[in-house]
Amino acid sequence: MSFQAINPPGPGIPGLSQAAAIDGGRLLLLSGHVPFRADGSVAGPDFEAQLEQVFSNLAATLKAAGSDFAQVAKLTYYITDLQPDLLPTLRAVRDRFIDPAHPPASTLIGVAALFRPDVRVEIEAVATA
């Protein structure tokens, strides 16, 4: 098995690849994406703004790998301070990027904290190219 590191154009996070293409690029494993804007600042602080930025960042990585959200098979969400009232916002933002009639498999995990206190959401994905 071989893999190729994938990173979209622009600033990245030092020490990691945004995605790994497995066996010639057919399987894509996307690292946890966070709500960083192109200038390195964090979107938000509101939950919806952070989600929108994370999904935009995922879209950029998918594009760099020759894929898109139609090819996403699984999403895993990590959300701080998870409350049931956040779910409609999560679905509304997600549905702007995916086909809601054919959503990917997903897992939603409430966490105590992420790597920075101002980051409320991180999303990783599995896709094909």
N, C-alpha and C. Protein backbone atom coordinates (compact mmCIF):
# COMPACT_ATOMS: atom_id res chain seq x y z
N MET A 1 0.85 -1.17 0.00
CA MET A 1 0.00 0.00 0.00
C MET A 1 0.90 1.23 0.00
N SER A 2 0.51 2.21 -0.82
CA SER A 2 1.25 3.47 -0.88
C SER A 2 0.29 4.62 -0.63
N PHE A 3 0.84 5.72 -0.14
CA PHE A 3 0.01 6.90 0.00
C PHE A 3 0.77 8.14 -0.40
N GLN A 4 -0.02 9.16 -0.80
CA GLN A 4 0.52 10.44 -1.22
C GLN A 4 -0.12 11.52 -0.36
N ALA A 5 0.68 12.41 0.17
CA ALA A 5 0.16 13.54 0.94
C ALA A 5 -0.52 14.53 0.02
N ILE A 6 -1.67 15.05 0.46
CA ILE A 6 -2.43 16.04 -0.30
C ILE A 6 -2.60 17.28 0.57
N ASN A 7 -2.27 18.44 0.02
CA ASN A 7 -2.48 19.70 0.71
C ASN A 7 -2.98 20.73 -0.30
N PRO A 8 -4.08 21.42 0.00
CA PRO A 8 -4.55 22.45 -0.93
C PRO A 8 -3.59 23.63 -0.96
N PRO A 9 -3.68 24.46 -1.98
CA PRO A 9 -2.83 25.66 -2.03
C PRO A 9 -3.11 26.56 -0.83
N GLY A 10 -2.13 27.34 -0.46
CA GLY A 10 -2.29 28.28 0.65
C GLY A 10 -1.63 27.77 1.90
N PRO A 11 -1.79 28.54 2.98
CA PRO A 11 -1.13 28.14 4.23
C PRO A 11 -1.72 26.85 4.78
N GLY A 12 -0.88 26.06 5.36
CA GLY A 12 -1.32 24.81 5.96
C GLY A 12 -0.94 24.76 7.42
N ILE A 13 -1.22 23.65 8.02
CA ILE A 13 -0.86 23.44 9.42
C ILE A 13 0.46 22.69 9.42
N PRO A 14 1.50 23.23 10.02
CA PRO A 14 2.80 22.56 10.00
C PRO A 14 2.73 21.18 10.64
N GLY A 15 3.45 20.25 10.04
CA GLY A 15 3.59 18.93 10.62
C GLY A 15 2.51 17.93 10.28
N LEU A 16 1.59 18.27 9.36
CA LEU A 16 0.58 17.29 8.96
C LEU A 16 0.13 17.55 7.54
N SER A 17 -0.42 16.53 6.93
CA SER A 17 -1.03 16.65 5.61
C SER A 17 -2.53 16.75 5.80
N GLN A 18 -3.18 17.51 4.96
CA GLN A 18 -4.63 17.65 5.05
C GLN A 18 -5.35 16.39 4.61
N ALA A 19 -4.70 15.60 3.76
CA ALA A 19 -5.29 14.34 3.31
C ALA A 19 -4.18 13.39 2.87
N ALA A 20 -4.52 12.13 2.85
CA ALA A 20 -3.64 11.11 2.30
C ALA A 20 -4.42 10.32 1.26
N ALA A 21 -3.86 10.24 0.06
CA ALA A 21 -4.46 9.45 -1.00
C ALA A 21 -3.82 8.06 -0.95
N ILE A 22 -4.66 7.05 -0.83
CA ILE A 22 -4.20 5.67 -0.68
C ILE A 22 -4.29 4.93 -2.02
N ASP A 23 -3.28 4.13 -2.31
CA ASP A 23 -3.24 3.28 -3.50
C ASP A 23 -3.63 4.02 -4.78
N GLY A 24 -2.81 4.99 -5.12
CA GLY A 24 -3.01 5.72 -6.37
C GLY A 24 -4.12 6.75 -6.31
N GLY A 25 -4.61 7.07 -5.14
CA GLY A 25 -5.57 8.14 -5.01
C GLY A 25 -7.02 7.74 -5.00
N ARG A 26 -7.33 6.46 -5.04
CA ARG A 26 -8.74 6.05 -5.06
C ARG A 26 -9.40 6.26 -3.71
N LEU A 27 -8.68 6.07 -2.62
CA LEU A 27 -9.21 6.28 -1.28
C LEU A 27 -8.53 7.49 -0.68
N LEU A 28 -9.34 8.42 -0.16
CA LEU A 28 -8.81 9.64 0.45
C LEU A 28 -9.18 9.67 1.93
N LEU A 29 -8.18 9.86 2.76
CA LEU A 29 -8.39 10.01 4.20
C LEU A 29 -8.06 11.45 4.55
N LEU A 30 -9.07 12.21 4.93
CA LEU A 30 -8.87 13.62 5.23
C LEU A 30 -8.67 13.82 6.71
N SER A 31 -7.61 14.52 7.06
CA SER A 31 -7.33 14.87 8.45
C SER A 31 -8.47 15.71 9.01
N GLY A 32 -8.49 15.82 10.33
CA GLY A 32 -9.45 16.71 10.94
C GLY A 32 -9.22 18.13 10.46
N HIS A 33 -10.26 18.74 9.90
CA HIS A 33 -10.19 20.11 9.41
C HIS A 33 -10.82 21.03 10.45
N VAL A 34 -10.22 22.18 10.63
CA VAL A 34 -10.65 23.14 11.65
C VAL A 34 -11.02 24.46 10.97
N PRO A 35 -11.63 25.39 11.71
CA PRO A 35 -12.14 26.62 11.10
C PRO A 35 -11.11 27.72 10.90
N PHE A 36 -9.94 27.39 10.37
CA PHE A 36 -8.94 28.39 10.06
C PHE A 36 -9.27 29.06 8.73
N ARG A 37 -9.20 30.37 8.71
CA ARG A 37 -9.32 31.13 7.47
C ARG A 37 -7.96 31.11 6.77
N ALA A 38 -7.91 31.60 5.56
CA ALA A 38 -6.66 31.62 4.79
C ALA A 38 -5.55 32.39 5.49
N ASP A 39 -5.92 33.40 6.30
CA ASP A 39 -4.90 34.19 7.01
C ASP A 39 -4.48 33.55 8.34
N GLY A 40 -5.01 32.38 8.66
CA GLY A 40 -4.64 31.68 9.89
C GLY A 40 -5.51 32.00 11.08
N SER A 41 -6.42 32.96 10.94
CA SER A 41 -7.33 33.28 12.05
C SER A 41 -8.46 32.26 12.10
N VAL A 42 -9.12 32.21 13.25
CA VAL A 42 -10.23 31.28 13.44
C VAL A 42 -11.53 31.98 13.11
N ALA A 43 -12.36 31.35 12.29
CA ALA A 43 -13.68 31.88 11.97
C ALA A 43 -14.54 31.85 13.22
N GLY A 44 -15.55 32.68 13.22
CA GLY A 44 -16.48 32.63 14.35
C GLY A 44 -16.40 33.88 15.19
N PRO A 45 -16.75 33.76 16.44
CA PRO A 45 -16.72 32.57 17.29
C PRO A 45 -17.98 31.71 17.24
N ASP A 46 -19.01 32.15 16.49
CA ASP A 46 -20.25 31.37 16.52
C ASP A 46 -20.09 30.04 15.78
N PHE A 47 -20.87 29.07 16.22
CA PHE A 47 -20.81 27.70 15.73
C PHE A 47 -21.03 27.63 14.22
N GLU A 48 -22.03 28.34 13.71
CA GLU A 48 -22.34 28.27 12.28
C GLU A 48 -21.18 28.78 11.43
N ALA A 49 -20.57 29.89 11.82
CA ALA A 49 -19.44 30.43 11.06
C ALA A 49 -18.27 29.46 11.06
N GLN A 50 -18.04 28.81 12.19
CA GLN A 50 -16.95 27.83 12.25
C GLN A 50 -17.26 26.62 11.36
N LEU A 51 -18.49 26.13 11.40
CA LEU A 51 -18.87 25.00 10.53
C LEU A 51 -18.69 25.35 9.06
N GLU A 52 -19.17 26.51 8.68
CA GLU A 52 -19.05 26.95 7.29
C GLU A 52 -17.59 26.97 6.84
N GLN A 53 -16.71 27.48 7.70
CA GLN A 53 -15.29 27.54 7.36
C GLN A 53 -14.69 26.13 7.26
N VAL A 54 -15.05 25.25 8.18
CA VAL A 54 -14.52 23.89 8.14
C VAL A 54 -14.95 23.20 6.85
N PHE A 55 -16.23 23.31 6.49
CA PHE A 55 -16.69 22.67 5.25
C PHE A 55 -16.02 23.28 4.03
N SER A 56 -15.78 24.59 4.03
CA SER A 56 -15.04 25.23 2.93
C SER A 56 -13.62 24.70 2.85
N ASN A 57 -12.98 24.51 4.00
CA ASN A 57 -11.63 23.95 4.02
C ASN A 57 -11.61 22.51 3.52
N LEU A 58 -12.60 21.72 3.92
CA LEU A 58 -12.70 20.35 3.41
C LEU A 58 -12.87 20.36 1.89
N ALA A 59 -13.71 21.27 1.39
CA ALA A 59 -13.93 21.36 -0.06
C ALA A 59 -12.63 21.67 -0.79
N ALA A 60 -11.80 22.55 -0.23
CA ALA A 60 -10.52 22.88 -0.85
C ALA A 60 -9.59 21.68 -0.89
N THR A 61 -9.57 20.91 0.19
CA THR A 61 -8.72 19.71 0.21
C THR A 61 -9.23 18.67 -0.77
N LEU A 62 -10.53 18.46 -0.81
CA LEU A 62 -11.10 17.52 -1.77
C LEU A 62 -10.75 17.93 -3.20
N LYS A 63 -10.88 19.21 -3.50
CA LYS A 63 -10.55 19.70 -4.84
C LYS A 63 -9.08 19.44 -5.16
N ALA A 64 -8.19 19.70 -4.20
CA ALA A 64 -6.76 19.47 -4.42
C ALA A 64 -6.46 17.99 -4.69
N ALA A 65 -7.32 17.11 -4.19
CA ALA A 65 -7.15 15.67 -4.40
C ALA A 65 -7.91 15.18 -5.64
N GLY A 66 -8.56 16.08 -6.36
CA GLY A 66 -9.32 15.69 -7.54
C GLY A 66 -10.67 15.08 -7.19
N SER A 67 -11.24 15.49 -6.07
CA SER A 67 -12.51 14.94 -5.62
C SER A 67 -13.45 16.08 -5.23
N ASP A 68 -14.59 15.71 -4.68
CA ASP A 68 -15.55 16.70 -4.19
C ASP A 68 -16.48 16.04 -3.18
N PHE A 69 -17.43 16.80 -2.66
CA PHE A 69 -18.30 16.27 -1.61
C PHE A 69 -19.19 15.12 -2.09
N ALA A 70 -19.43 15.02 -3.39
CA ALA A 70 -20.22 13.89 -3.90
C ALA A 70 -19.50 12.56 -3.66
N GLN A 71 -18.19 12.62 -3.45
CA GLN A 71 -17.40 11.41 -3.25
C GLN A 71 -17.10 11.11 -1.77
N VAL A 72 -17.65 11.92 -0.87
CA VAL A 72 -17.41 11.71 0.56
C VAL A 72 -18.30 10.58 1.06
N ALA A 73 -17.66 9.57 1.64
CA ALA A 73 -18.39 8.40 2.15
C ALA A 73 -18.67 8.50 3.65
N LYS A 74 -17.83 9.25 4.39
CA LYS A 74 -17.98 9.31 5.85
C LYS A 74 -17.46 10.64 6.37
N LEU A 75 -18.20 11.21 7.31
CA LEU A 75 -17.78 12.40 8.03
C LEU A 75 -17.78 12.09 9.52
N THR A 76 -16.76 12.55 10.22
CA THR A 76 -16.71 12.43 11.68
C THR A 76 -16.56 13.83 12.24
N TYR A 77 -17.51 14.20 13.09
CA TYR A 77 -17.56 15.53 13.69
C TYR A 77 -17.08 15.44 15.14
N TYR A 78 -16.26 16.39 15.54
CA TYR A 78 -15.85 16.56 16.94
C TYR A 78 -16.29 17.96 17.33
N ILE A 79 -17.19 18.06 18.30
CA ILE A 79 -17.77 19.34 18.66
C ILE A 79 -17.67 19.55 20.17
N THR A 80 -17.16 20.72 20.56
CA THR A 80 -17.11 21.05 21.98
C THR A 80 -18.48 21.55 22.43
N ASP A 81 -18.78 21.35 23.70
CA ASP A 81 -20.05 21.84 24.27
C ASP A 81 -21.24 21.41 23.42
N LEU A 82 -21.26 20.16 23.01
CA LEU A 82 -22.32 19.63 22.15
C LEU A 82 -23.66 19.63 22.89
N GLN A 83 -24.64 20.27 22.27
CA GLN A 83 -26.01 20.31 22.78
C GLN A 83 -26.95 19.94 21.64
N PRO A 84 -28.09 19.32 21.93
CA PRO A 84 -29.03 18.94 20.87
C PRO A 84 -29.49 20.12 20.00
N ASP A 85 -29.54 21.32 20.55
CA ASP A 85 -30.00 22.46 19.76
C ASP A 85 -29.00 22.88 18.67
N LEU A 86 -27.80 22.31 18.65
CA LEU A 86 -26.83 22.59 17.59
C LEU A 86 -27.08 21.76 16.33
N LEU A 87 -27.83 20.67 16.47
CA LEU A 87 -28.02 19.76 15.33
C LEU A 87 -28.69 20.41 14.13
N PRO A 88 -29.74 21.22 14.28
CA PRO A 88 -30.30 21.86 13.08
C PRO A 88 -29.30 22.74 12.34
N THR A 89 -28.46 23.45 13.07
CA THR A 89 -27.42 24.27 12.43
C THR A 89 -26.41 23.38 11.71
N LEU A 90 -25.99 22.31 12.37
CA LEU A 90 -25.05 21.37 11.76
C LEU A 90 -25.61 20.83 10.45
N ARG A 91 -26.84 20.38 10.47
CA ARG A 91 -27.46 19.82 9.26
C ARG A 91 -27.63 20.88 8.17
N ALA A 92 -28.03 22.08 8.55
CA ALA A 92 -28.23 23.14 7.55
C ALA A 92 -26.93 23.48 6.83
N VAL A 93 -25.85 23.62 7.58
CA VAL A 93 -24.56 23.93 6.95
C VAL A 93 -24.08 22.74 6.13
N ARG A 94 -24.12 21.56 6.71
CA ARG A 94 -23.70 20.35 5.98
C ARG A 94 -24.45 20.22 4.66
N ASP A 95 -25.76 20.48 4.68
CA ASP A 95 -26.58 20.29 3.49
C ASP A 95 -26.29 21.30 2.39
N ARG A 96 -25.55 22.36 2.69
CA ARG A 96 -25.11 23.29 1.64
C ARG A 96 -23.93 22.70 0.86
N PHE A 97 -23.31 21.67 1.39
CA PHE A 97 -22.13 21.07 0.75
C PHE A 97 -22.37 19.67 0.21
N ILE A 98 -23.24 18.91 0.86
CA ILE A 98 -23.49 17.53 0.43
C ILE A 98 -24.89 17.43 -0.18
N ASP A 99 -25.18 16.30 -0.78
CA ASP A 99 -26.53 16.02 -1.29
C ASP A 99 -27.33 15.45 -0.13
N PRO A 100 -28.29 16.20 0.42
CA PRO A 100 -29.02 15.70 1.59
C PRO A 100 -29.88 14.47 1.30
N ALA A 101 -30.16 14.20 0.03
CA ALA A 101 -30.90 12.98 -0.31
C ALA A 101 -30.01 11.75 -0.23
N HIS A 102 -28.69 11.95 -0.29
CA HIS A 102 -27.71 10.86 -0.23
C HIS A 102 -26.56 11.27 0.68
N PRO A 103 -26.82 11.48 1.96
CA PRO A 103 -25.75 11.94 2.85
C PRO A 103 -24.73 10.84 3.13
N PRO A 104 -23.50 11.24 3.41
CA PRO A 104 -22.50 10.24 3.79
C PRO A 104 -22.80 9.68 5.19
N ALA A 105 -22.22 8.54 5.48
CA ALA A 105 -22.28 8.03 6.85
C ALA A 105 -21.61 9.07 7.74
N SER A 106 -22.05 9.13 8.99
CA SER A 106 -21.43 10.13 9.86
C SER A 106 -21.44 9.69 11.31
N THR A 107 -20.52 10.28 12.05
CA THR A 107 -20.40 10.08 13.48
C THR A 107 -20.25 11.45 14.11
N LEU A 108 -20.99 11.68 15.18
CA LEU A 108 -20.95 12.95 15.90
C LEU A 108 -20.46 12.68 17.31
N ILE A 109 -19.36 13.33 17.68
CA ILE A 109 -18.74 13.09 18.99
C ILE A 109 -18.63 14.42 19.73
N GLY A 110 -19.20 14.47 20.90
CA GLY A 110 -19.03 15.63 21.77
C GLY A 110 -17.73 15.47 22.55
N VAL A 111 -16.93 16.50 22.54
CA VAL A 111 -15.63 16.44 23.22
C VAL A 111 -15.51 17.58 24.23
N ALA A 112 -14.68 17.38 25.23
CA ALA A 112 -14.47 18.41 26.25
C ALA A 112 -13.71 19.60 25.67
N ALA A 113 -12.75 19.34 24.80
CA ALA A 113 -11.94 20.41 24.23
C ALA A 113 -11.29 19.93 22.95
N LEU A 114 -10.91 20.88 22.11
CA LEU A 114 -10.10 20.60 20.94
C LEU A 114 -8.73 21.24 21.16
N PHE A 115 -7.91 21.36 20.14
CA PHE A 115 -6.52 21.77 20.34
C PHE A 115 -6.34 23.23 20.73
N ARG A 116 -7.38 24.06 20.53
CA ARG A 116 -7.37 25.46 20.97
C ARG A 116 -8.74 25.78 21.56
N PRO A 117 -8.79 26.60 22.57
CA PRO A 117 -10.08 26.88 23.22
C PRO A 117 -11.07 27.65 22.34
N ASP A 118 -10.60 28.36 21.30
CA ASP A 118 -11.50 29.09 20.42
C ASP A 118 -12.01 28.26 19.25
N VAL A 119 -11.57 27.01 19.13
CA VAL A 119 -12.02 26.11 18.07
C VAL A 119 -13.12 25.22 18.64
N ARG A 120 -14.31 25.30 18.04
CA ARG A 120 -15.47 24.56 18.54
C ARG A 120 -15.76 23.30 17.75
N VAL A 121 -15.21 23.19 16.53
CA VAL A 121 -15.56 22.05 15.68
C VAL A 121 -14.35 21.62 14.85
N GLU A 122 -14.24 20.31 14.68
CA GLU A 122 -13.24 19.70 13.80
C GLU A 122 -13.94 18.57 13.09
N ILE A 123 -13.68 18.44 11.78
CA ILE A 123 -14.35 17.40 10.98
C ILE A 123 -13.30 16.67 10.16
N GLU A 124 -13.37 15.34 10.18
CA GLU A 124 -12.52 14.53 9.29
C GLU A 124 -13.42 13.77 8.34
N ALA A 125 -12.84 13.30 7.24
CA ALA A 125 -13.65 12.66 6.21
C ALA A 125 -12.90 11.51 5.55
N VAL A 126 -13.69 10.62 4.97
CA VAL A 126 -13.19 9.55 4.10
C VAL A 126 -13.91 9.74 2.77
N ALA A 127 -13.16 9.73 1.69
CA ALA A 127 -13.74 9.96 0.36
C ALA A 127 -13.04 9.10 -0.67
N THR A 128 -13.56 9.14 -1.89
CA THR A 128 -12.90 8.50 -3.01
C THR A 128 -12.54 9.58 -4.02
N ALA A 129 -11.65 9.23 -4.92
CA ALA A 129 -11.26 10.19 -5.96
C ALA A 129 -11.71 9.69 -7.31
